């Protein structure tokens, strides 16, 4: 498992067979979308020069970039947002070379 504030990812093990859904324990960052509340969250993100600089959620306001990021992650987690399955295909080529002696 690779886990940091931006993402959590797994590889190998149970994920080797794409015909089997990933185990529920792997979803540490989001609730199951089927279990998420069916209610909207009202929020406003203000941008300056393309960068988010302020987040308003109800009466709460965030201006620190890390706090803003963490608050949005928490909102997304509760709403079941942010799940993605990526299948990585690796083509490995064995290279053999002969060197004259």
PDB file of N, CA and C in Angstrom:
ATOM      1  N   UNK A   1       0.839  -1.178   0.000  1.00  0.00           N
ATOM      2  CA  UNK A   1       0.000   0.000   0.000  1.00  0.00           C
ATOM      3  C   UNK A   1       0.887   1.245   0.000  1.00  0.00           C
ATOM      4  N   UNK A   2       0.517   2.209  -0.821  1.00  0.00           N
ATOM      5  CA  UNK A   2       1.161   3.520  -0.848  1.00  0.00           C
ATOM      6  C   UNK A   2       0.115   4.503  -0.338  1.00  0.00           C
ATOM      7  N   UNK A   3       0.366   5.123   0.803  1.00  0.00           N
ATOM      8  CA  UNK A   3      -0.633   5.986   1.430  1.00  0.00           C
ATOM      9  C   UNK A   3       0.008   7.313   1.826  1.00  0.00           C
ATOM     10  N   UNK A   4      -0.565   8.407   1.331  1.00  0.00           N
ATOM     11  CA  UNK A   4      -0.119   9.736   1.731  1.00  0.00           C
ATOM     12  C   UNK A   4      -1.329  10.668   1.692  1.00  0.00           C
ATOM     13  N   UNK A   5      -1.160  11.963   1.913  1.00  0.00           N
ATOM     14  CA  UNK A   5      -2.338  12.845   1.980  1.00  0.00           C
ATOM     15  C   UNK A   5      -3.029  13.027   0.638  1.00  0.00           C
ATOM     16  N   UNK A   6      -2.372  12.680  -0.445  1.00  0.00           N
ATOM     17  CA  UNK A   6      -2.980  12.863  -1.760  1.00  0.00           C
ATOM     18  C   UNK A   6      -3.722  11.628  -2.258  1.00  0.00           C
ATOM     19  N   UNK A   7      -3.279  10.451  -1.850  1.00  0.00           N
ATOM     20  CA  UNK A   7      -3.932   9.247  -2.351  1.00  0.00           C
ATOM     21  C   UNK A   7      -3.517   8.024  -1.543  1.00  0.00           C
ATOM     22  N   UNK A   8      -4.230   6.944  -1.799  1.00  0.00           N
ATOM     23  CA  UNK A   8      -3.876   5.636  -1.252  1.00  0.00           C
ATOM     24  C   UNK A   8      -4.009   4.649  -2.396  1.00  0.00           C
ATOM     25  N   UNK A   9      -2.981   3.891  -2.654  1.00  0.00           N
ATOM     26  CA  UNK A   9      -3.053   2.933  -3.758  1.00  0.00           C
ATOM     27  C   UNK A   9      -2.503   1.580  -3.328  1.00  0.00           C
ATOM     28  N   UNK A  10      -3.018   0.564  -3.966  1.00  0.00           N
ATOM     29  CA  UNK A  10      -2.593  -0.817  -3.734  1.00  0.00           C
ATOM     30  C   UNK A  10      -2.190  -1.423  -5.066  1.00  0.00           C
ATOM     31  N   UNK A  11      -1.364  -2.448  -4.989  1.00  0.00           N
ATOM     32  CA  UNK A  11      -1.067  -3.229  -6.168  1.00  0.00           C
ATOM     33  C   UNK A  11      -0.757  -4.656  -5.737  1.00  0.00           C
ATOM     34  N   UNK A  12      -0.881  -5.568  -6.687  1.00  0.00           N
ATOM     35  CA  UNK A  12      -0.612  -6.990  -6.492  1.00  0.00           C
ATOM     36  C   UNK A  12      -1.667  -7.643  -5.601  1.00  0.00           C
ATOM     37  N   UNK A  13      -1.381  -8.854  -5.173  1.00  0.00           N
ATOM     38  CA  UNK A  13      -2.290  -9.588  -4.306  1.00  0.00           C
ATOM     39  C   UNK A  13      -3.664  -9.785  -4.919  1.00  0.00           C
ATOM     40  N   UNK A  14      -4.697  -9.384  -4.182  1.00  0.00           N
ATOM     41  CA  UNK A  14      -6.089  -9.567  -4.605  1.00  0.00           C
ATOM     42  C   UNK A  14      -6.401  -8.823  -5.901  1.00  0.00           C
ATOM     43  N   UNK A  15      -5.580  -7.872  -6.269  1.00  0.00           N
ATOM     44  CA  UNK A  15      -5.852  -7.063  -7.463  1.00  0.00           C
ATOM     45  C   UNK A  15      -5.317  -7.680  -8.745  1.00  0.00           C
ATOM     46  N   UNK A  16      -4.632  -8.792  -8.634  1.00  0.00           N
ATOM     47  CA  UNK A  16      -4.042  -9.413  -9.826  1.00  0.00           C
ATOM     48  C   UNK A  16      -5.093  -9.966 -10.785  1.00  0.00           C
ATOM     49  N   UNK A  17      -6.281 -10.286 -10.275  1.00  0.00           N
ATOM     50  CA  UNK A  17      -7.343 -10.823 -11.120  1.00  0.00           C
ATOM     51  C   UNK A  17      -8.387  -9.738 -11.352  1.00  0.00           C
ATOM     52  N   UNK A  18      -8.423  -9.117 -12.543  1.00  0.00           N
ATOM     53  CA  UNK A  18      -9.350  -8.010 -12.790  1.00  0.00           C
ATOM     54  C   UNK A  18     -10.820  -8.431 -12.808  1.00  0.00           C
ATOM     55  N   UNK A  19     -11.099  -9.739 -12.804  1.00  0.00           N
ATOM     56  CA  UNK A  19     -12.494 -10.175 -12.794  1.00  0.00           C
ATOM     57  C   UNK A  19     -13.077 -10.194 -11.381  1.00  0.00           C
ATOM     58  N   UNK A  20     -12.230  -9.966 -10.374  1.00  0.00           N
ATOM     59  CA  UNK A  20     -12.676  -9.951  -8.982  1.00  0.00           C
ATOM     60  C   UNK A  20     -12.628  -8.515  -8.466  1.00  0.00           C
ATOM     61  N   UNK A  21     -13.732  -8.006  -7.906  1.00  0.00           N
ATOM     62  CA  UNK A  21     -13.718  -6.634  -7.368  1.00  0.00           C
ATOM     63  C   UNK A  21     -12.721  -6.502  -6.220  1.00  0.00           C
ATOM     64  N   UNK A  22     -12.166  -5.316  -6.030  1.00  0.00           N
ATOM     65  CA  UNK A  22     -11.223  -5.136  -4.924  1.00  0.00           C
ATOM     66  C   UNK A  22     -11.933  -5.327  -3.584  1.00  0.00           C
ATOM     67  N   UNK A  23     -11.223  -5.861  -2.587  1.00  0.00           N
ATOM     68  CA  UNK A  23     -11.812  -6.043  -1.263  1.00  0.00           C
ATOM     69  C   UNK A  23     -12.197  -4.697  -0.631  1.00  0.00           C
ATOM     70  N   UNK A  24     -13.248  -4.699   0.161  1.00  0.00           N
ATOM     71  CA  UNK A  24     -13.731  -3.463   0.786  1.00  0.00           C
ATOM     72  C   UNK A  24     -12.684  -2.784   1.665  1.00  0.00           C
ATOM     73  N   UNK A  25     -11.809  -3.572   2.303  1.00  0.00           N
ATOM     74  CA  UNK A  25     -10.825  -2.969   3.207  1.00  0.00           C
ATOM     75  C   UNK A  25      -9.843  -2.043   2.489  1.00  0.00           C
ATOM     76  N   UNK A  26      -9.753  -2.144   1.184  1.00  0.00           N
ATOM     77  CA  UNK A  26      -8.829  -1.288   0.436  1.00  0.00           C
ATOM     78  C   UNK A  26      -9.320   0.144   0.312  1.00  0.00           C
ATOM     79  N   UNK A  27     -10.616   0.355   0.480  1.00  0.00           N
ATOM     80  CA  UNK A  27     -11.172   1.700   0.323  1.00  0.00           C
ATOM     81  C   UNK A  27     -11.080   2.440   1.663  1.00  0.00           C
ATOM     82  N   UNK A  28      -9.919   2.995   1.940  1.00  0.00           N
ATOM     83  CA  UNK A  28      -9.700   3.688   3.218  1.00  0.00           C
ATOM     84  C   UNK A  28     -10.005   5.180   3.141  1.00  0.00           C
ATOM     85  N   UNK A  29     -10.137   5.720   1.941  1.00  0.00           N
ATOM     86  CA  UNK A  29     -10.299   7.166   1.776  1.00  0.00           C
ATOM     87  C   UNK A  29     -11.725   7.606   1.495  1.00  0.00           C
ATOM     88  N   UNK A  30     -12.616   6.667   1.188  1.00  0.00           N
ATOM     89  CA  UNK A  30     -13.988   7.045   0.861  1.00  0.00           C
ATOM     90  C   UNK A  30     -14.962   6.025   1.421  1.00  0.00           C
ATOM     91  N   UNK A  31     -16.152   6.488   1.743  1.00  0.00           N
ATOM     92  CA  UNK A  31     -17.213   5.543   2.068  1.00  0.00           C
ATOM     93  C   UNK A  31     -17.716   4.971   0.746  1.00  0.00           C
ATOM     94  N   UNK A  32     -18.353   3.842   0.828  1.00  0.00           N
ATOM     95  CA  UNK A  32     -18.944   3.262  -0.371  1.00  0.00           C
ATOM     96  C   UNK A  32     -19.971   4.253  -0.911  1.00  0.00           C
ATOM     97  N   UNK A  33     -19.912   4.612  -2.190  1.00  0.00           N
ATOM     98  CA  UNK A  33     -20.878   5.582  -2.726  1.00  0.00           C
ATOM     99  C   UNK A  33     -22.338   5.180  -2.483  1.00  0.00           C
ATOM    100  N   UNK A  34     -22.601   3.874  -2.391  1.00  0.00           N
ATOM    101  CA  UNK A  34     -23.972   3.425  -2.107  1.00  0.00           C
ATOM    102  C   UNK A  34     -24.385   3.749  -0.674  1.00  0.00           C
ATOM    103  N   UNK A  35     -23.408   3.979   0.207  1.00  0.00           N
ATOM    104  CA  UNK A  35     -23.694   4.298   1.605  1.00  0.00           C
ATOM    105  C   UNK A  35     -23.575   5.793   1.904  1.00  0.00           C
ATOM    106  N   UNK A  36     -23.184   6.574   0.920  1.00  0.00           N
ATOM    107  CA  UNK A  36     -23.001   8.016   1.107  1.00  0.00           C
ATOM    108  C   UNK A  36     -24.353   8.711   1.266  1.00  0.00           C
ATOM    109  N   UNK A  37     -24.365   9.815   2.008  1.00  0.00           N
ATOM    110  CA  UNK A  37     -25.619  10.556   2.158  1.00  0.00           C
ATOM    111  C   UNK A  37     -26.145  11.040   0.809  1.00  0.00           C
ATOM    112  N   UNK A  38     -27.446  11.059   0.682  1.00  0.00           N
ATOM    113  CA  UNK A  38     -28.073  11.529  -0.551  1.00  0.00           C
ATOM    114  C   UNK A  38     -28.474  12.991  -0.388  1.00  0.00           C
ATOM    115  N   UNK A  39     -27.530  13.789   0.111  1.00  0.00           N
ATOM    116  CA  UNK A  39     -27.775  15.207   0.351  1.00  0.00           C
ATOM    117  C   UNK A  39     -26.580  16.005  -0.163  1.00  0.00           C
ATOM    118  N   UNK A  40     -26.847  17.111  -0.810  1.00  0.00           N
ATOM    119  CA  UNK A  40     -25.732  17.922  -1.326  1.00  0.00           C
ATOM    120  C   UNK A  40     -24.992  18.651  -0.208  1.00  0.00           C
ATOM    121  N   UNK A  41     -23.752  18.999  -0.488  1.00  0.00           N
ATOM    122  CA  UNK A  41     -22.953  19.834   0.403  1.00  0.00           C
ATOM    123  C   UNK A  41     -22.730  21.148  -0.332  1.00  0.00           C
ATOM    124  N   UNK A  42     -23.135  22.240   0.274  1.00  0.00           N
ATOM    125  CA  UNK A  42     -22.976  23.556  -0.343  1.00  0.00           C
ATOM    126  C   UNK A  42     -21.596  24.095  -0.006  1.00  0.00           C
ATOM    127  N   UNK A  43     -20.795  24.314  -1.023  1.00  0.00           N
ATOM    128  CA  UNK A  43     -19.455  24.850  -0.794  1.00  0.00           C
ATOM    129  C   UNK A  43     -19.086  25.808  -1.914  1.00  0.00           C
ATOM    130  N   UNK A  44     -18.141  26.675  -1.607  1.00  0.00           N
ATOM    131  CA  UNK A  44     -17.636  27.638  -2.584  1.00  0.00           C
ATOM    132  C   UNK A  44     -16.120  27.593  -2.556  1.00  0.00           C
ATOM    133  N   UNK A  45     -15.514  27.495  -3.728  1.00  0.00           N
ATOM    134  CA  UNK A  45     -14.054  27.555  -3.841  1.00  0.00           C
ATOM    135  C   UNK A  45     -13.709  28.805  -4.622  1.00  0.00           C
ATOM    136  N   UNK A  46     -12.879  29.654  -4.030  1.00  0.00           N
ATOM    137  CA  UNK A  46     -12.428  30.873  -4.711  1.00  0.00           C
ATOM    138  C   UNK A  46     -11.026  30.640  -5.254  1.00  0.00           C
ATOM    139  N   UNK A  47     -10.828  31.080  -6.493  1.00  0.00           N
ATOM    140  CA  UNK A  47      -9.545  30.887  -7.171  1.00  0.00           C
ATOM    141  C   UNK A  47      -8.904  32.233  -7.475  1.00  0.00           C
ATOM    142  N   UNK A  48      -7.583  32.263  -7.420  1.00  0.00           N
ATOM    143  CA  UNK A  48      -6.799  33.411  -7.880  1.00  0.00           C
ATOM    144  C   UNK A  48      -5.710  32.869  -8.791  1.00  0.00           C
ATOM    145  N   UNK A  49      -5.671  33.364  -9.995  1.00  0.00           N
ATOM    146  CA  UNK A  49      -4.703  32.932 -11.001  1.00  0.00           C
ATOM    147  C   UNK A  49      -4.717  31.405 -11.165  1.00  0.00           C
ATOM    148  N   UNK A  50      -5.915  30.841 -11.111  1.00  0.00           N
ATOM    149  CA  UNK A  50      -6.085  29.416 -11.323  1.00  0.00           C
ATOM    150  C   UNK A  50      -5.830  28.529 -10.118  1.00  0.00           C
ATOM    151  N   UNK A  51      -5.472  29.121  -8.993  1.00  0.00           N
ATOM    152  CA  UNK A  51      -5.186  28.336  -7.789  1.00  0.00           C
ATOM    153  C   UNK A  51      -6.273  28.548  -6.747  1.00  0.00           C
ATOM    154  N   UNK A  52      -6.707  27.480  -6.061  1.00  0.00           N
ATOM    155  CA  UNK A  52      -7.703  27.651  -5.003  1.00  0.00           C
ATOM    156  C   UNK A  52      -7.076  28.364  -3.806  1.00  0.00           C
ATOM    157  N   UNK A  53      -7.719  29.434  -3.354  1.00  0.00           N
ATOM    158  CA  UNK A  53      -7.165  30.214  -2.245  1.00  0.00           C
ATOM    159  C   UNK A  53      -8.116  30.298  -1.049  1.00  0.00           C
ATOM    160  N   UNK A  54      -9.372  29.930  -1.251  1.00  0.00           N
ATOM    161  CA  UNK A  54     -10.332  30.014  -0.158  1.00  0.00           C
ATOM    162  C   UNK A  54     -11.438  28.987  -0.395  1.00  0.00           C
ATOM    163  N   UNK A  55     -11.831  28.332   0.692  1.00  0.00           N
ATOM    164  CA  UNK A  55     -12.929  27.374   0.652  1.00  0.00           C
ATOM    165  C   UNK A  55     -13.927  27.766   1.718  1.00  0.00           C
ATOM    166  N   UNK A  56     -15.186  27.847   1.312  1.00  0.00           N
ATOM    167  CA  UNK A  56     -16.263  28.115   2.262  1.00  0.00           C
ATOM    168  C   UNK A  56     -17.213  26.924   2.253  1.00  0.00           C
ATOM    169  N   UNK A  57     -17.442  26.378   3.438  1.00  0.00           N
ATOM    170  CA  UNK A  57     -18.372  25.263   3.609  1.00  0.00           C
ATOM    171  C   UNK A  57     -19.271  25.643   4.780  1.00  0.00           C
ATOM    172  N   UNK A  58     -20.488  26.046   4.456  1.00  0.00           N
ATOM    173  CA  UNK A  58     -21.369  26.546   5.509  1.00  0.00           C
ATOM    174  C   UNK A  58     -20.745  27.777   6.147  1.00  0.00           C
ATOM    175  N   UNK A  59     -20.544  27.729   7.456  1.00  0.00           N
ATOM    176  CA  UNK A  59     -19.941  28.858   8.168  1.00  0.00           C
ATOM    177  C   UNK A  59     -18.433  28.715   8.323  1.00  0.00           C
ATOM    178  N   UNK A  60     -17.906  27.582   7.893  1.00  0.00           N
ATOM    179  CA  UNK A  60     -16.459  27.337   7.971  1.00  0.00           C
ATOM    180  C   UNK A  60     -15.765  27.940   6.760  1.00  0.00           C
ATOM    181  N   UNK A  61     -14.540  28.434   6.989  1.00  0.00           N
ATOM    182  CA  UNK A  61     -13.747  28.996   5.901  1.00  0.00           C
ATOM    183  C   UNK A  61     -12.302  28.556   6.059  1.00  0.00           C
ATOM    184  N   UNK A  62     -11.708  28.157   4.944  1.00  0.00           N
ATOM    185  CA  UNK A  62     -10.325  27.683   4.941  1.00  0.00           C
ATOM    186  C   UNK A  62      -9.528  28.507   3.934  1.00  0.00           C
ATOM    187  N   UNK A  63      -8.361  28.964   4.347  1.00  0.00           N
ATOM    188  CA  UNK A  63      -7.488  29.707   3.433  1.00  0.00           C
ATOM    189  C   UNK A  63      -6.105  29.063   3.315  1.00  0.00           C
ATOM    190  N   UNK A  64      -5.688  28.318   4.309  1.00  0.00           N
ATOM    191  CA  UNK A  64      -4.413  27.621   4.241  1.00  0.00           C
ATOM    192  C   UNK A  64      -4.536  26.496   3.209  1.00  0.00           C
ATOM    193  N   UNK A  65      -3.582  26.382   2.311  1.00  0.00           N
ATOM    194  CA  UNK A  65      -3.705  25.423   1.218  1.00  0.00           C
ATOM    195  C   UNK A  65      -3.823  23.980   1.718  1.00  0.00           C
ATOM    196  N   UNK A  66      -3.096  23.616   2.749  1.00  0.00           N
ATOM    197  CA  UNK A  66      -3.186  22.258   3.274  1.00  0.00           C
ATOM    198  C   UNK A  66      -4.542  22.026   3.944  1.00  0.00           C
ATOM    199  N   UNK A  67      -5.003  22.991   4.729  1.00  0.00           N
ATOM    200  CA  UNK A  67      -6.316  22.856   5.373  1.00  0.00           C
ATOM    201  C   UNK A  67      -7.434  22.770   4.329  1.00  0.00           C
ATOM    202  N   UNK A  68      -7.318  23.565   3.277  1.00  0.00           N
ATOM    203  CA  UNK A  68      -8.291  23.535   2.184  1.00  0.00           C
ATOM    204  C   UNK A  68      -8.304  22.150   1.533  1.00  0.00           C
ATOM    205  N   UNK A  69      -7.147  21.627   1.243  1.00  0.00           N
ATOM    206  CA  UNK A  69      -7.006  20.303   0.641  1.00  0.00           C
ATOM    207  C   UNK A  69      -7.607  19.228   1.541  1.00  0.00           C
ATOM    208  N   UNK A  70      -7.285  19.280   2.831  1.00  0.00           N
ATOM    209  CA  UNK A  70      -7.783  18.282   3.784  1.00  0.00           C
ATOM    210  C   UNK A  70      -9.301  18.380   3.953  1.00  0.00           C
ATOM    211  N   UNK A  71      -9.822  19.604   3.985  1.00  0.00           N
ATOM    212  CA  UNK A  71     -11.273  19.786   4.119  1.00  0.00           C
ATOM    213  C   UNK A  71     -12.002  19.212   2.907  1.00  0.00           C
ATOM    214  N   UNK A  72     -11.497  19.469   1.712  1.00  0.00           N
ATOM    215  CA  UNK A  72     -12.116  18.918   0.509  1.00  0.00           C
ATOM    216  C   UNK A  72     -12.017  17.395   0.479  1.00  0.00           C
ATOM    217  N   UNK A  73     -10.902  16.847   0.947  1.00  0.00           N
ATOM    218  CA  UNK A  73     -10.773  15.395   1.033  1.00  0.00           C
ATOM    219  C   UNK A  73     -11.821  14.812   1.982  1.00  0.00           C
ATOM    220  N   UNK A  74     -12.065  15.467   3.099  1.00  0.00           N
ATOM    221  CA  UNK A  74     -13.054  14.984   4.065  1.00  0.00           C
ATOM    222  C   UNK A  74     -14.464  15.047   3.480  1.00  0.00           C
ATOM    223  N   UNK A  75     -14.775  16.117   2.774  1.00  0.00           N
ATOM    224  CA  UNK A  75     -16.087  16.246   2.121  1.00  0.00           C
ATOM    225  C   UNK A  75     -16.259  15.142   1.083  1.00  0.00           C
ATOM    226  N   UNK A  76     -15.229  14.938   0.269  1.00  0.00           N
ATOM    227  CA  UNK A  76     -15.283  13.891  -0.745  1.00  0.00           C
ATOM    228  C   UNK A  76     -15.384  12.507  -0.141  1.00  0.00           C
ATOM    229  N   UNK A  77     -14.678  12.271   0.963  1.00  0.00           N
ATOM    230  CA  UNK A  77     -14.724  10.975   1.633  1.00  0.00           C
ATOM    231  C   UNK A  77     -16.147  10.643   2.057  1.00  0.00           C
ATOM    232  N   UNK A  78     -16.795  11.582   2.701  1.00  0.00           N
ATOM    233  CA  UNK A  78     -18.161  11.357   3.188  1.00  0.00           C
ATOM    234  C   UNK A  78     -19.151  11.158   2.040  1.00  0.00           C
ATOM    235  N   UNK A  79     -18.866  11.755   0.891  1.00  0.00           N
ATOM    236  CA  UNK A  79     -19.770  11.664  -0.262  1.00  0.00           C
ATOM    237  C   UNK A  79     -19.451  10.476  -1.174  1.00  0.00           C
ATOM    238  N   UNK A  80     -18.403   9.737  -0.860  1.00  0.00           N
ATOM    239  CA  UNK A  80     -18.037   8.604  -1.695  1.00  0.00           C
ATOM    240  C   UNK A  80     -17.378   9.013  -2.992  1.00  0.00           C
ATOM    241  N   UNK A  81     -16.765  10.187  -3.010  1.00  0.00           N
ATOM    242  CA  UNK A  81     -16.125  10.715  -4.218  1.00  0.00           C
ATOM    243  C   UNK A  81     -14.642  10.355  -4.203  1.00  0.00           C
ATOM    244  N   UNK A  82     -14.119  10.005  -5.370  1.00  0.00           N
ATOM    245  CA  UNK A  82     -12.682   9.833  -5.480  1.00  0.00           C
ATOM    246  C   UNK A  82     -12.209   8.409  -5.673  1.00  0.00           C
ATOM    247  N   UNK A  83     -13.112   7.487  -5.903  1.00  0.00           N
ATOM    248  CA  UNK A  83     -12.682   6.113  -6.160  1.00  0.00           C
ATOM    249  C   UNK A  83     -12.312   5.955  -7.629  1.00  0.00           C
ATOM    250  N   UNK A  84     -11.224   5.274  -7.848  1.00  0.00           N
ATOM    251  CA  UNK A  84     -10.804   5.029  -9.223  1.00  0.00           C
ATOM    252  C   UNK A  84     -10.068   3.695  -9.271  1.00  0.00           C
ATOM    253  N   UNK A  85     -10.334   2.963 -10.290  1.00  0.00           N
ATOM    254  CA  UNK A  85      -9.595   1.725 -10.551  1.00  0.00           C
ATOM    255  C   UNK A  85      -8.718   1.969 -11.760  1.00  0.00           C
ATOM    256  N   UNK A  86      -7.456   1.682 -11.609  1.00  0.00           N
ATOM    257  CA  UNK A  86      -6.514   1.827 -12.711  1.00  0.00           C
ATOM    258  C   UNK A  86      -5.862   0.468 -12.936  1.00  0.00           C
ATOM    259  N   UNK A  87      -5.903   0.013 -14.147  1.00  0.00           N
ATOM    260  CA  UNK A  87      -5.210  -1.223 -14.496  1.00  0.00           C
ATOM    261  C   UNK A  87      -3.901  -0.827 -15.154  1.00  0.00           C
ATOM    262  N   UNK A  88      -2.836  -1.253 -14.557  1.00  0.00           N
ATOM    263  CA  UNK A  88      -1.517  -0.901 -15.061  1.00  0.00           C
ATOM    264  C   UNK A  88      -0.963  -2.085 -15.842  1.00  0.00           C
ATOM    265  N   UNK A  89      -0.602  -1.836 -17.057  1.00  0.00           N
ATOM    266  CA  UNK A  89      -0.034  -2.883 -17.895  1.00  0.00           C
ATOM    267  C   UNK A  89       1.437  -2.565 -18.103  1.00  0.00           C
ATOM    268  N   UNK A  90       2.243  -3.530 -17.802  1.00  0.00           N
ATOM    269  CA  UNK A  90       3.680  -3.333 -17.943  1.00  0.00           C
ATOM    270  C   UNK A  90       4.215  -4.312 -18.973  1.00  0.00           C
ATOM    271  N   UNK A  91       4.858  -3.784 -19.967  1.00  0.00           N
ATOM    272  CA  UNK A  91       5.508  -4.629 -20.967  1.00  0.00           C
ATOM    273  C   UNK A  91       7.006  -4.590 -20.696  1.00  0.00           C
ATOM    274  N   UNK A  92       7.521  -5.733 -20.346  1.00  0.00           N
ATOM    275  CA  UNK A  92       8.949  -5.803 -20.047  1.00  0.00           C
ATOM    276  C   UNK A  92       9.649  -6.533 -21.188  1.00  0.00           C
ATOM    277  N   UNK A  93      10.736  -5.999 -21.591  1.00  0.00           N
ATOM    278  CA  UNK A  93      11.502  -6.589 -22.688  1.00  0.00           C
ATOM    279  C   UNK A  93      12.864  -6.996 -22.145  1.00  0.00           C
ATOM    280  N   UNK A  94      13.146  -8.240 -22.346  1.00  0.00           N
ATOM    281  CA  UNK A  94      14.454  -8.722 -21.908  1.00  0.00           C
ATOM    282  C   UNK A  94      15.469  -8.410 -22.998  1.00  0.00           C
ATOM    283  N   UNK A  95      16.500  -7.766 -22.623  1.00  0.00           N
ATOM    284  CA  UNK A  95      17.536  -7.393 -23.582  1.00  0.00           C
ATOM    285  C   UNK A  95      18.794  -8.195 -23.277  1.00  0.00           C
ATOM    286  N   UNK A  96      19.258  -8.913 -24.275  1.00  0.00           N
ATOM    287  CA  UNK A  96      20.503  -9.654 -24.139  1.00  0.00           C
ATOM    288  C   UNK A  96      21.482  -9.089 -25.142  1.00  0.00           C
ATOM    289  N   UNK A  97      22.657  -8.927 -24.711  1.00  0.00           N
ATOM    290  CA  UNK A  97      23.668  -8.428 -25.640  1.00  0.00           C
ATOM    291  C   UNK A  97      24.932  -9.245 -25.512  1.00  0.00           C
ATOM    292  N   UNK A  98      25.624  -9.294 -26.594  1.00  0.00           N
ATOM    293  CA  UNK A  98      26.894 -10.001 -26.590  1.00  0.00           C
ATOM    294  C   UNK A  98      27.998  -8.963 -26.746  1.00  0.00           C
ATOM    295  N   UNK A  99      28.999  -9.176 -25.973  1.00  0.00           N
ATOM    296  CA  UNK A  99      30.148  -8.286 -26.068  1.00  0.00           C
ATOM    297  C   UNK A  99      31.353  -9.102 -26.546  1.00  0.00           C
ATOM    298  N   UNK A 100      32.032  -8.595 -27.542  1.00  0.00           N
ATOM    299  CA  UNK A 100      33.215  -9.327 -28.005  1.00  0.00           C
ATOM    300  C   UNK A 100      34.284  -9.375 -26.906  1.00  0.00           C
ATOM    301  N   UNK A 101      34.935 -10.507 -26.822  1.00  0.00           N
ATOM    302  CA  UNK A 101      36.006 -10.622 -25.821  1.00  0.00           C
ATOM    303  C   UNK A 101      37.353 -10.449 -26.427  1.00  0.00           C
TER     304      UNK A 101
END
